[in-house]
Amino acid sequence: MEKSSREILSDNNISITNPRIIVLEQLLKYKKPISVEDLQDNLRGQVATSTLYRVLNDLKKINVISEFITPGNTTMIELSLHEDEHHHHLFCKSCGDVIDIELSLGFEQKLSSEIKSIEKNSFFIIEDHGLELIGRCSECRDSF
């Protein structure tokens, strides 16, 4: 069962405010990555832009949302309510759609092993990783 915006805020010991509820409800409704600009458009003036950015920062601090940059340099956000919910994305270079994908456990383990090797050999601490698969979604592929 999906949690409500109030439950999410309460479970994370963050005060329940109207802007936070509105933003979370929109993200729960959308159910996929969304750009900050599209989120603001969808909110249709319910939340001021400065308030939206404050809410998003608050939600990032408690790991309720994650943020990533598309190959086209657009900042995207998405809910990340489960700690074990690591996934990657497909990026449509025609329409800009972003689709969540999960890699097989075996592939993810090999990738993790490779990352550890890179850390050891480069003396670099890798805090996160992502896999970008760029192409055309089914709608754009058919019209190409």
C-alpha atoms as a PDB file:
ATOM      1  CA  MET A   1       0.000   0.000   0.000  1.00  0.00           C
ATOM      2  CA  GLU A   2       1.312   3.409  -0.958  1.00  0.00           C
ATOM      3  CA  LYS A   3       1.944   5.898   1.823  1.00  0.00           C
ATOM      4  CA  SER A   4       0.255   9.263   1.915  1.00  0.00           C
ATOM      5  CA  SER A   5       2.222  12.504   1.893  1.00  0.00           C
ATOM      6  CA  ARG A   6       1.386  13.067   5.576  1.00  0.00           C
ATOM      7  CA  GLU A   7       2.655   9.580   6.493  1.00  0.00           C
ATOM      8  CA  ILE A   8       5.887  10.144   4.572  1.00  0.00           C
ATOM      9  CA  LEU A   9       6.548  13.413   6.385  1.00  0.00           C
ATOM     10  CA  SER A  10       5.567  11.979   9.757  1.00  0.00           C
ATOM     11  CA  ASP A  11       7.695   8.843   9.287  1.00  0.00           C
ATOM     12  CA  ASN A  12      10.694  11.094   8.570  1.00  0.00           C
ATOM     13  CA  ASN A  13      10.081  13.407  11.541  1.00  0.00           C
ATOM     14  CA  ILE A  14       9.672  16.468   9.371  1.00  0.00           C
ATOM     15  CA  SER A  15       6.952  19.015  10.032  1.00  0.00           C
ATOM     16  CA  ILE A  16       3.814  18.611   7.988  1.00  0.00           C
ATOM     17  CA  THR A  17       3.279  21.817   6.015  1.00  0.00           C
ATOM     18  CA  ASN A  18       0.880  22.561   3.206  1.00  0.00           C
ATOM     19  CA  PRO A  19       3.612  23.146   0.566  1.00  0.00           C
ATOM     20  CA  ARG A  20       5.322  19.851   1.474  1.00  0.00           C
ATOM     21  CA  ILE A  21       2.021  17.993   1.218  1.00  0.00           C
ATOM     22  CA  ILE A  22       1.210  19.573  -2.153  1.00  0.00           C
ATOM     23  CA  VAL A  23       4.648  18.762  -3.606  1.00  0.00           C
ATOM     24  CA  LEU A  24       4.653  15.196  -2.289  1.00  0.00           C
ATOM     25  CA  GLU A  25       1.123  14.560  -3.547  1.00  0.00           C
ATOM     26  CA  GLN A  26       2.168  15.679  -7.014  1.00  0.00           C
ATOM     27  CA  LEU A  27       5.236  13.413  -6.954  1.00  0.00           C
ATOM     28  CA  LEU A  28       3.145  10.481  -5.683  1.00  0.00           C
ATOM     29  CA  LYS A  29       0.647  11.107  -8.474  1.00  0.00           C
ATOM     30  CA  TYR A  30       3.308  11.398 -11.218  1.00  0.00           C
ATOM     31  CA  LYS A  31       5.184   8.205 -10.196  1.00  0.00           C
ATOM     32  CA  LYS A  32       8.234   8.795 -12.399  1.00  0.00           C
ATOM     33  CA  PRO A  33      11.120  11.248 -12.726  1.00  0.00           C
ATOM     34  CA  ILE A  34      10.031  14.828 -13.428  1.00  0.00           C
ATOM     35  CA  SER A  35      11.927  18.040 -14.081  1.00  0.00           C
ATOM     36  CA  VAL A  36      11.638  20.813 -11.526  1.00  0.00           C
ATOM     37  CA  GLU A  37      10.192  23.041 -14.252  1.00  0.00           C
ATOM     38  CA  ASP A  38       7.491  20.501 -15.146  1.00  0.00           C
ATOM     39  CA  LEU A  39       6.702  20.016 -11.460  1.00  0.00           C
ATOM     40  CA  GLN A  40       6.277  23.780 -11.058  1.00  0.00           C
ATOM     41  CA  ASP A  41       4.014  23.874 -14.133  1.00  0.00           C
ATOM     42  CA  ASN A  42       1.924  21.001 -12.747  1.00  0.00           C
ATOM     43  CA  LEU A  43       1.502  22.814  -9.443  1.00  0.00           C
ATOM     44  CA  ARG A  44      -0.025  25.755 -11.336  1.00  0.00           C
ATOM     45  CA  GLY A  45       0.869  28.422  -8.810  1.00  0.00           C
ATOM     46  CA  GLN A  46      -0.089  26.401  -5.717  1.00  0.00           C
ATOM     47  CA  VAL A  47       3.495  26.718  -4.448  1.00  0.00           C
ATOM     48  CA  ALA A  48       5.824  29.664  -5.075  1.00  0.00           C
ATOM     49  CA  THR A  49       9.034  28.801  -6.922  1.00  0.00           C
ATOM     50  CA  SER A  50      11.245  29.737  -3.950  1.00  0.00           C
ATOM     51  CA  THR A  51       9.078  27.596  -1.659  1.00  0.00           C
ATOM     52  CA  LEU A  52       9.217  24.696  -4.117  1.00  0.00           C
ATOM     53  CA  TYR A  53      13.032  24.751  -4.072  1.00  0.00           C
ATOM     54  CA  ARG A  54      13.058  24.905  -0.249  1.00  0.00           C
ATOM     55  CA  VAL A  55      10.645  21.951  -0.057  1.00  0.00           C
ATOM     56  CA  LEU A  56      12.719  19.950  -2.548  1.00  0.00           C
ATOM     57  CA  ASN A  57      15.895  20.637  -0.538  1.00  0.00           C
ATOM     58  CA  ASP A  58      14.132  19.560   2.667  1.00  0.00           C
ATOM     59  CA  LEU A  59      12.957  16.338   1.013  1.00  0.00           C
ATOM     60  CA  LYS A  60      16.449  15.646  -0.387  1.00  0.00           C
ATOM     61  CA  LYS A  61      17.991  16.050   3.083  1.00  0.00           C
ATOM     62  CA  ILE A  62      15.774  13.278   4.464  1.00  0.00           C
ATOM     63  CA  ASN A  63      16.265  11.093   1.353  1.00  0.00           C
ATOM     64  CA  VAL A  64      12.608  11.159   0.315  1.00  0.00           C
ATOM     65  CA  ILE A  65      13.542  12.382  -3.159  1.00  0.00           C
ATOM     66  CA  SER A  66      16.623  11.965  -5.286  1.00  0.00           C
ATOM     67  CA  GLU A  67      17.933  14.295  -7.939  1.00  0.00           C
ATOM     68  CA  PHE A  68      19.875  13.593 -11.113  1.00  0.00           C
ATOM     69  CA  ILE A  69      20.914  15.414 -14.271  1.00  0.00           C
ATOM     70  CA  THR A  70      19.844  14.159 -17.696  1.00  0.00           C
ATOM     71  CA  PRO A  71      22.261  13.995 -20.635  1.00  0.00           C
ATOM     72  CA  GLY A  72      20.488  17.153 -21.861  1.00  0.00           C
ATOM     73  CA  ASN A  73      21.475  18.886 -18.592  1.00  0.00           C
ATOM     74  CA  THR A  74      17.972  18.999 -17.090  1.00  0.00           C
ATOM     75  CA  THR A  75      17.656  18.510 -13.339  1.00  0.00           C
ATOM     76  CA  MET A  76      15.190  15.730 -12.583  1.00  0.00           C
ATOM     77  CA  ILE A  77      13.700  14.646  -9.277  1.00  0.00           C
ATOM     78  CA  GLU A  78      11.914  11.499  -8.227  1.00  0.00           C
ATOM     79  CA  LEU A  79      10.629   9.888  -5.073  1.00  0.00           C
ATOM     80  CA  SER A  80      13.067   7.529  -3.385  1.00  0.00           C
ATOM     81  CA  LEU A  81      11.091   6.137  -0.488  1.00  0.00           C
ATOM     82  CA  HIS A  82      12.893   2.798  -0.238  1.00  0.00           C
ATOM     83  CA  GLU A  83      16.603   2.596   0.619  1.00  0.00           C
ATOM     84  CA  ASP A  84      17.104  -0.501  -1.552  1.00  0.00           C
ATOM     85  CA  GLU A  85      15.486   1.143  -4.565  1.00  0.00           C
ATOM     86  CA  HIS A  86      18.666   1.722  -6.600  1.00  0.00           C
ATOM     87  CA  HIS A  87      17.867   1.905 -10.293  1.00  0.00           C
ATOM     88  CA  HIS A  88      19.010   3.464 -13.537  1.00  0.00           C
ATOM     89  CA  HIS A  89      17.327   5.354 -16.373  1.00  0.00           C
ATOM     90  CA  LEU A  90      16.597   5.283 -20.075  1.00  0.00           C
ATOM     91  CA  PHE A  91      16.694   8.722 -21.704  1.00  0.00           C
ATOM     92  CA  CYS A  92      14.794   9.457 -24.910  1.00  0.00           C
ATOM     93  CA  LYS A  93      16.871  11.910 -26.928  1.00  0.00           C
ATOM     94  CA  SER A  94      13.845  12.906 -29.033  1.00  0.00           C
ATOM     95  CA  CYS A  95      11.113  13.764 -26.512  1.00  0.00           C
ATOM     96  CA  GLY A  96      13.160  13.885 -23.296  1.00  0.00           C
ATOM     97  CA  ASP A  97      11.177  11.152 -21.519  1.00  0.00           C
ATOM     98  CA  VAL A  98      12.970   9.401 -18.649  1.00  0.00           C
ATOM     99  CA  ILE A  99      12.126   5.794 -17.817  1.00  0.00           C
ATOM    100  CA  ASP A 100      13.201   3.929 -14.664  1.00  0.00           C
ATOM    101  CA  ILE A 101      14.897   0.573 -15.181  1.00  0.00           C
ATOM    102  CA  GLU A 102      16.374  -2.005 -12.838  1.00  0.00           C
ATOM    103  CA  LEU A 103      19.426  -4.021 -13.786  1.00  0.00           C
ATOM    104  CA  SER A 104      19.735  -7.700 -12.975  1.00  0.00           C
ATOM    105  CA  LEU A 105      21.270  -8.475  -9.598  1.00  0.00           C
ATOM    106  CA  GLY A 106      24.225 -10.150 -11.320  1.00  0.00           C
ATOM    107  CA  PHE A 107      24.979  -7.117 -13.468  1.00  0.00           C
ATOM    108  CA  GLU A 108      24.587  -4.752 -10.503  1.00  0.00           C
ATOM    109  CA  GLN A 109      27.024  -6.920  -8.491  1.00  0.00           C
ATOM    110  CA  LYS A 110      29.592  -6.886 -11.332  1.00  0.00           C
ATOM    111  CA  LEU A 111      29.204  -3.114 -11.611  1.00  0.00           C
ATOM    112  CA  SER A 112      29.690  -2.760  -7.855  1.00  0.00           C
ATOM    113  CA  SER A 113      32.857  -4.872  -8.038  1.00  0.00           C
ATOM    114  CA  GLU A 114      34.173  -2.734 -10.895  1.00  0.00           C
ATOM    115  CA  ILE A 115      33.439   0.440  -8.920  1.00  0.00           C
ATOM    116  CA  LYS A 116      35.425  -0.894  -5.941  1.00  0.00           C
ATOM    117  CA  SER A 117      38.335  -1.653  -8.263  1.00  0.00           C
ATOM    118  CA  ILE A 118      38.186   1.866  -9.723  1.00  0.00           C
ATOM    119  CA  GLU A 119      38.173   3.343  -6.208  1.00  0.00           C
ATOM    120  CA  LYS A 120      41.215   1.287  -5.228  1.00  0.00           C
ATOM    121  CA  ASN A 121      43.200   2.052  -8.383  1.00  0.00           C
ATOM    122  CA  SER A 122      42.341   5.741  -8.606  1.00  0.00           C
ATOM    123  CA  PHE A 123      42.346   6.586  -4.877  1.00  0.00           C
ATOM    124  CA  PHE A 124      38.889   8.066  -5.409  1.00  0.00           C
ATOM    125  CA  ILE A 125      35.846   7.584  -3.179  1.00  0.00           C
ATOM    126  CA  ILE A 126      32.775   6.935  -5.326  1.00  0.00           C
ATOM    127  CA  GLU A 127      29.622   7.878  -3.431  1.00  0.00           C
ATOM    128  CA  ASP A 128      27.032   6.965  -6.051  1.00  0.00           C
ATOM    129  CA  HIS A 129      26.715   5.809  -9.630  1.00  0.00           C
ATOM    130  CA  GLY A 130      24.251   5.852 -12.466  1.00  0.00           C
ATOM    131  CA  LEU A 131      23.972   4.224 -15.828  1.00  0.00           C
ATOM    132  CA  GLU A 132      22.758   6.343 -18.728  1.00  0.00           C
ATOM    133  CA  LEU A 133      21.125   4.516 -21.612  1.00  0.00           C
ATOM    134  CA  ILE A 134      20.258   6.978 -24.353  1.00  0.00           C
ATOM    135  CA  GLY A 135      18.038   6.286 -27.338  1.00  0.00           C
ATOM    136  CA  ARG A 136      14.454   6.709 -28.493  1.00  0.00           C
ATOM    137  CA  CYS A 137      11.293   5.643 -26.674  1.00  0.00           C
ATOM    138  CA  SER A 138       8.716   3.517 -28.483  1.00  0.00           C
ATOM    139  CA  GLU A 139       6.650   6.551 -29.553  1.00  0.00           C
ATOM    140  CA  CYS A 140       9.636   8.461 -30.937  1.00  0.00           C
ATOM    141  CA  ARG A 141      11.203   5.374 -32.505  1.00  0.00           C
ATOM    142  CA  ASP A 142       8.080   4.765 -34.557  1.00  0.00           C
ATOM    143  CA  SER A 143       7.969   8.378 -35.799  1.00  0.00           C
ATOM    144  CA  PHE A 144      11.689   8.599 -36.618  1.00  0.00           C
END
